[in-house]
Amino acid sequence: MVQKTSAKESVLDAFERVVIERGERAATLEAVAVEAGVSKGGLLYHFGAKKDLVEGLVARMDALAAADLEQLAAATDGIVSRFIRSSVVVGTPFDSTYIAMTRLAQSGLYPEANAALASVEHGWRTLIEEAVGDPAVARLVLLVGDGLYYNAALFPFDKLPTPRTELDDVIAAIEELARSRKA
């Protein structure tokens, strides 16, 4: 059975798209209503102001991040491996919300967006640090993930996906570094 998206979620989807495609300043209530295919009154029924849209997106980010952390913690191939491999995946709901949140944070107008992003990174860092046992290696894993994500997101047509063997080599090097720093 196909699950229907609620009107509220459709409006949040539209807000996310406008922020990503046109920027925070273009994400007016009118533009979001048009993108969502609802009247401005229909949008205002769910979200009385742009700040409410931002808060809705923060709540979405929190839920997606919690699910991501659960999957990461349960990874049978290991937390470092799963984090690195998932860093080359773009186009997911989490990815879209994350990008929109970064655009909102960059505007400097929404400290709650910055806090949501910091919370996501803190969750990742805590989980990775527990797995590798070293704060510096955990930071390195996060930075490698950022670099892989950057390349996958910004150059999707210039390169083929990172070959699995390259990722295997990166993961093996990080795991070797973690072992050597424990010794």
C-alpha atoms as a PDB file:
ATOM      1  CA  MET A   1       0.000   0.000   0.000  1.00  0.00           C
ATOM      2  CA  VAL A   2       1.342   3.426  -0.946  1.00  0.00           C
ATOM      3  CA  GLN A   3       1.498   5.843   1.956  1.00  0.00           C
ATOM      4  CA  LYS A   4       0.030   9.253   1.189  1.00  0.00           C
ATOM      5  CA  THR A   5       2.076  12.292   2.095  1.00  0.00           C
ATOM      6  CA  SER A   6       0.239  14.672   4.402  1.00  0.00           C
ATOM      7  CA  ALA A   7      -0.418  18.221   3.272  1.00  0.00           C
ATOM      8  CA  LYS A   8       1.918  19.439   6.001  1.00  0.00           C
ATOM      9  CA  GLU A   9       4.721  17.178   4.747  1.00  0.00           C
ATOM     10  CA  SER A  10       4.073  18.299   1.158  1.00  0.00           C
ATOM     11  CA  VAL A  11       4.486  21.920   2.224  1.00  0.00           C
ATOM     12  CA  LEU A  12       7.746  21.036   4.028  1.00  0.00           C
ATOM     13  CA  ASP A  13       8.915  19.198   0.901  1.00  0.00           C
ATOM     14  CA  ALA A  14       8.184  22.326  -1.133  1.00  0.00           C
ATOM     15  CA  PHE A  15      10.016  24.541   1.360  1.00  0.00           C
ATOM     16  CA  GLU A  16      13.005  22.210   1.216  1.00  0.00           C
ATOM     17  CA  ARG A  17      13.042  22.296  -2.612  1.00  0.00           C
ATOM     18  CA  VAL A  18      12.778  26.097  -2.800  1.00  0.00           C
ATOM     19  CA  VAL A  19      15.574  26.566  -0.260  1.00  0.00           C
ATOM     20  CA  ILE A  20      17.824  24.121  -2.141  1.00  0.00           C
ATOM     21  CA  GLU A  21      17.052  25.280  -5.673  1.00  0.00           C
ATOM     22  CA  ARG A  22      16.612  29.034  -5.174  1.00  0.00           C
ATOM     23  CA  GLY A  23      18.043  29.846  -1.762  1.00  0.00           C
ATOM     24  CA  GLU A  24      16.743  30.913   1.619  1.00  0.00           C
ATOM     25  CA  ARG A  25      15.791  34.424   0.517  1.00  0.00           C
ATOM     26  CA  ALA A  26      13.614  33.094  -2.297  1.00  0.00           C
ATOM     27  CA  ALA A  27      11.769  30.762   0.083  1.00  0.00           C
ATOM     28  CA  THR A  28       8.941  33.187   0.815  1.00  0.00           C
ATOM     29  CA  LEU A  29       5.596  31.897   2.006  1.00  0.00           C
ATOM     30  CA  GLU A  30       4.166  32.734  -1.422  1.00  0.00           C
ATOM     31  CA  ALA A  31       6.903  30.837  -3.273  1.00  0.00           C
ATOM     32  CA  VAL A  32       6.506  27.807  -1.011  1.00  0.00           C
ATOM     33  CA  ALA A  33       2.729  27.819  -1.473  1.00  0.00           C
ATOM     34  CA  VAL A  34       3.135  27.906  -5.260  1.00  0.00           C
ATOM     35  CA  GLU A  35       5.747  25.120  -5.152  1.00  0.00           C
ATOM     36  CA  ALA A  36       3.480  23.012  -2.920  1.00  0.00           C
ATOM     37  CA  GLY A  37       0.454  23.666  -5.115  1.00  0.00           C
ATOM     38  CA  VAL A  38      -1.585  25.091  -2.248  1.00  0.00           C
ATOM     39  CA  SER A  39      -3.068  28.471  -1.510  1.00  0.00           C
ATOM     40  CA  LYS A  40      -1.218  30.762   0.822  1.00  0.00           C
ATOM     41  CA  GLY A  41      -4.083  30.209   3.267  1.00  0.00           C
ATOM     42  CA  GLY A  42      -3.523  26.453   2.997  1.00  0.00           C
ATOM     43  CA  LEU A  43       0.134  26.937   3.810  1.00  0.00           C
ATOM     44  CA  LEU A  44      -0.680  29.265   6.713  1.00  0.00           C
ATOM     45  CA  TYR A  45      -3.019  26.635   8.147  1.00  0.00           C
ATOM     46  CA  HIS A  46       0.022  24.420   8.775  1.00  0.00           C
ATOM     47  CA  PHE A  47       2.795  27.000   9.115  1.00  0.00           C
ATOM     48  CA  GLY A  48       1.953  30.505  10.301  1.00  0.00           C
ATOM     49  CA  ALA A  49       5.344  31.981   9.418  1.00  0.00           C
ATOM     50  CA  LYS A  50       8.620  31.121   7.722  1.00  0.00           C
ATOM     51  CA  LYS A  51      10.136  30.437  11.144  1.00  0.00           C
ATOM     52  CA  ASP A  52       7.520  27.690  11.580  1.00  0.00           C
ATOM     53  CA  LEU A  53       8.651  26.144   8.298  1.00  0.00           C
ATOM     54  CA  VAL A  54      12.235  26.207   9.549  1.00  0.00           C
ATOM     55  CA  GLU A  55      11.173  24.569  12.815  1.00  0.00           C
ATOM     56  CA  GLY A  56       9.292  21.911  10.841  1.00  0.00           C
ATOM     57  CA  LEU A  57      12.401  21.210   8.814  1.00  0.00           C
ATOM     58  CA  VAL A  58      14.492  21.012  11.998  1.00  0.00           C
ATOM     59  CA  ALA A  59      12.060  18.427  13.390  1.00  0.00           C
ATOM     60  CA  ARG A  60      12.331  16.464  10.135  1.00  0.00           C
ATOM     61  CA  MET A  61      16.126  16.636  10.326  1.00  0.00           C
ATOM     62  CA  ASP A  62      16.091  15.410  13.919  1.00  0.00           C
ATOM     63  CA  ALA A  63      13.951  12.398  12.977  1.00  0.00           C
ATOM     64  CA  LEU A  64      16.043  11.537   9.906  1.00  0.00           C
ATOM     65  CA  ALA A  65      19.286  11.928  11.876  1.00  0.00           C
ATOM     66  CA  ALA A  66      17.999   9.648  14.644  1.00  0.00           C
ATOM     67  CA  ALA A  67      17.157   6.978  12.064  1.00  0.00           C
ATOM     68  CA  ASP A  68      20.565   7.442  10.435  1.00  0.00           C
ATOM     69  CA  LEU A  69      22.334   6.983  13.782  1.00  0.00           C
ATOM     70  CA  GLU A  70      20.323   3.826  14.487  1.00  0.00           C
ATOM     71  CA  GLN A  71      21.327   2.368  11.109  1.00  0.00           C
ATOM     72  CA  LEU A  72      24.927   3.367  11.658  1.00  0.00           C
ATOM     73  CA  ALA A  73      25.024   1.803  15.122  1.00  0.00           C
ATOM     74  CA  ALA A  74      23.511  -1.423  13.797  1.00  0.00           C
ATOM     75  CA  ALA A  75      25.839  -1.704  10.791  1.00  0.00           C
ATOM     76  CA  THR A  76      27.158  -5.247  10.513  1.00  0.00           C
ATOM     77  CA  ASP A  77      30.130  -4.038   8.460  1.00  0.00           C
ATOM     78  CA  GLY A  78      31.183  -1.621  11.215  1.00  0.00           C
ATOM     79  CA  ILE A  79      30.441   2.000  11.962  1.00  0.00           C
ATOM     80  CA  VAL A  80      33.465   3.415  10.127  1.00  0.00           C
ATOM     81  CA  SER A  81      32.776   1.336   7.022  1.00  0.00           C
ATOM     82  CA  ARG A  82      29.090   2.240   6.948  1.00  0.00           C
ATOM     83  CA  PHE A  83      29.758   5.945   7.557  1.00  0.00           C
ATOM     84  CA  ILE A  84      32.371   6.135   4.782  1.00  0.00           C
ATOM     85  CA  ARG A  85      30.217   4.162   2.334  1.00  0.00           C
ATOM     86  CA  SER A  86      27.119   6.238   3.089  1.00  0.00           C
ATOM     87  CA  SER A  87      29.085   9.435   2.481  1.00  0.00           C
ATOM     88  CA  VAL A  88      28.989   8.829  -1.267  1.00  0.00           C
ATOM     89  CA  VAL A  89      25.209   8.396  -1.348  1.00  0.00           C
ATOM     90  CA  VAL A  90      23.278  11.475  -2.413  1.00  0.00           C
ATOM     91  CA  GLY A  91      19.653  12.115  -3.304  1.00  0.00           C
ATOM     92  CA  THR A  92      18.089  10.566  -0.209  1.00  0.00           C
ATOM     93  CA  PRO A  93      15.488  12.327   1.962  1.00  0.00           C
ATOM     94  CA  PHE A  94      18.171  12.825   4.635  1.00  0.00           C
ATOM     95  CA  ASP A  95      20.501  14.323   2.026  1.00  0.00           C
ATOM     96  CA  SER A  96      17.862  16.795   0.807  1.00  0.00           C
ATOM     97  CA  THR A  97      16.973  17.901   4.321  1.00  0.00           C
ATOM     98  CA  TYR A  98      20.657  18.211   5.223  1.00  0.00           C
ATOM     99  CA  ILE A  99      21.352  20.409   2.188  1.00  0.00           C
ATOM    100  CA  ALA A 100      18.353  22.631   2.925  1.00  0.00           C
ATOM    101  CA  MET A 101      19.459  22.923   6.545  1.00  0.00           C
ATOM    102  CA  THR A 102      22.965  23.983   5.490  1.00  0.00           C
ATOM    103  CA  ARG A 103      21.499  26.677   3.251  1.00  0.00           C
ATOM    104  CA  LEU A 104      19.372  27.960   6.124  1.00  0.00           C
ATOM    105  CA  ALA A 105      22.373  27.889   8.470  1.00  0.00           C
ATOM    106  CA  GLN A 106      24.504  29.788   5.954  1.00  0.00           C
ATOM    107  CA  SER A 107      21.986  32.620   5.891  1.00  0.00           C
ATOM    108  CA  GLY A 108      22.839  33.435   9.512  1.00  0.00           C
ATOM    109  CA  LEU A 109      19.157  34.000  10.267  1.00  0.00           C
ATOM    110  CA  TYR A 110      18.276  30.644  11.795  1.00  0.00           C
ATOM    111  CA  PRO A 111      20.418  29.544  14.745  1.00  0.00           C
ATOM    112  CA  GLU A 112      18.149  26.520  15.083  1.00  0.00           C
ATOM    113  CA  ALA A 113      19.455  25.302  11.715  1.00  0.00           C
ATOM    114  CA  ASN A 114      23.039  25.598  12.951  1.00  0.00           C
ATOM    115  CA  ALA A 115      22.081  23.764  16.146  1.00  0.00           C
ATOM    116  CA  ALA A 116      20.424  20.957  14.174  1.00  0.00           C
ATOM    117  CA  LEU A 117      23.525  20.497  12.010  1.00  0.00           C
ATOM    118  CA  ALA A 118      25.769  20.562  15.083  1.00  0.00           C
ATOM    119  CA  SER A 119      23.580  17.933  16.705  1.00  0.00           C
ATOM    120  CA  VAL A 120      23.871  15.642  13.691  1.00  0.00           C
ATOM    121  CA  GLU A 121      27.644  15.978  13.630  1.00  0.00           C
ATOM    122  CA  HIS A 122      27.846  15.429  17.392  1.00  0.00           C
ATOM    123  CA  GLY A 123      25.831  12.221  17.044  1.00  0.00           C
ATOM    124  CA  TRP A 124      28.069  10.937  14.269  1.00  0.00           C
ATOM    125  CA  ARG A 125      31.229  11.945  16.088  1.00  0.00           C
ATOM    126  CA  THR A 126      30.169  10.300  19.345  1.00  0.00           C
ATOM    127  CA  LEU A 127      29.275   7.031  17.639  1.00  0.00           C
ATOM    128  CA  ILE A 128      32.430   6.972  15.539  1.00  0.00           C
ATOM    129  CA  GLU A 129      34.649   7.875  18.488  1.00  0.00           C
ATOM    130  CA  GLU A 130      33.170   5.014  20.512  1.00  0.00           C
ATOM    131  CA  ALA A 131      33.931   2.672  17.612  1.00  0.00           C
ATOM    132  CA  VAL A 132      37.533   3.784  16.994  1.00  0.00           C
ATOM    133  CA  GLY A 133      38.463   4.795  20.532  1.00  0.00           C
ATOM    134  CA  ASP A 134      40.302   7.950  19.504  1.00  0.00           C
ATOM    135  CA  PRO A 135      38.931  11.509  19.078  1.00  0.00           C
ATOM    136  CA  ALA A 136      41.490  12.411  16.385  1.00  0.00           C
ATOM    137  CA  VAL A 137      40.678   9.352  14.285  1.00  0.00           C
ATOM    138  CA  ALA A 138      36.964  10.025  14.731  1.00  0.00           C
ATOM    139  CA  ARG A 139      37.501  13.574  13.445  1.00  0.00           C
ATOM    140  CA  LEU A 140      39.486  12.179  10.529  1.00  0.00           C
ATOM    141  CA  VAL A 141      36.615   9.824   9.660  1.00  0.00           C
ATOM    142  CA  LEU A 142      34.185  12.756   9.689  1.00  0.00           C
ATOM    143  CA  LEU A 143      36.460  14.810   7.441  1.00  0.00           C
ATOM    144  CA  VAL A 144      36.942  11.922   5.009  1.00  0.00           C
ATOM    145  CA  GLY A 145      33.167  11.502   4.933  1.00  0.00           C
ATOM    146  CA  ASP A 146      32.739  15.223   4.260  1.00  0.00           C
ATOM    147  CA  GLY A 147      35.207  15.054   1.380  1.00  0.00           C
ATOM    148  CA  LEU A 148      33.548  12.015  -0.168  1.00  0.00           C
ATOM    149  CA  TYR A 149      30.139  13.639   0.184  1.00  0.00           C
ATOM    150  CA  TYR A 150      31.402  16.883  -1.347  1.00  0.00           C
ATOM    151  CA  ASN A 151      32.720  15.035  -4.379  1.00  0.00           C
ATOM    152  CA  ALA A 152      29.609  12.898  -4.799  1.00  0.00           C
ATOM    153  CA  ALA A 153      27.277  15.896  -4.455  1.00  0.00           C
ATOM    154  CA  LEU A 154      29.162  18.444  -6.529  1.00  0.00           C
ATOM    155  CA  PHE A 155      30.605  16.288  -9.278  1.00  0.00           C
ATOM    156  CA  PRO A 156      27.927  13.657  -9.977  1.00  0.00           C
ATOM    157  CA  PHE A 157      28.340  13.883 -13.744  1.00  0.00           C
ATOM    158  CA  ASP A 158      32.114  14.291 -13.859  1.00  0.00           C
ATOM    159  CA  LYS A 159      32.999  11.009 -12.219  1.00  0.00           C
ATOM    160  CA  LEU A 160      31.749   7.539 -11.827  1.00  0.00           C
ATOM    161  CA  PRO A 161      30.876   6.483  -8.293  1.00  0.00           C
ATOM    162  CA  THR A 162      33.943   5.821  -6.179  1.00  0.00           C
ATOM    163  CA  PRO A 163      34.918   2.226  -6.868  1.00  0.00           C
ATOM    164  CA  ARG A 164      34.266  -0.116  -3.967  1.00  0.00           C
ATOM    165  CA  THR A 165      37.946  -1.081  -3.857  1.00  0.00           C
ATOM    166  CA  GLU A 166      38.954   2.554  -3.320  1.00  0.00           C
ATOM    167  CA  LEU A 167      36.532   2.826  -0.417  1.00  0.00           C
ATOM    168  CA  ASP A 168      37.792  -0.497   0.933  1.00  0.00           C
ATOM    169  CA  ASP A 169      41.341   0.891   0.871  1.00  0.00           C
ATOM    170  CA  VAL A 170      40.310   4.119   2.633  1.00  0.00           C
ATOM    171  CA  ILE A 171      38.410   2.181   5.304  1.00  0.00           C
ATOM    172  CA  ALA A 172      41.313  -0.229   5.812  1.00  0.00           C
ATOM    173  CA  ALA A 173      43.747   2.686   6.199  1.00  0.00           C
ATOM    174  CA  ILE A 174      41.540   4.377   8.788  1.00  0.00           C
ATOM    175  CA  GLU A 175      41.051   1.144  10.713  1.00  0.00           C
ATOM    176  CA  GLU A 176      44.818   0.507  10.636  1.00  0.00           C
ATOM    177  CA  LEU A 177      45.453   4.032  11.927  1.00  0.00           C
ATOM    178  CA  ALA A 178      42.944   3.508  14.743  1.00  0.00           C
ATOM    179  CA  ARG A 179      44.621   0.225  15.741  1.00  0.00           C
ATOM    180  CA  SER A 180      48.101   1.755  15.662  1.00  0.00           C
ATOM    181  CA  ARG A 181      47.051   4.707  17.837  1.00  0.00           C
ATOM    182  CA  LYS A 182      45.545   2.320  20.398  1.00  0.00           C
ATOM    183  CA  ALA A 183      48.802   0.360  20.604  1.00  0.00           C
END
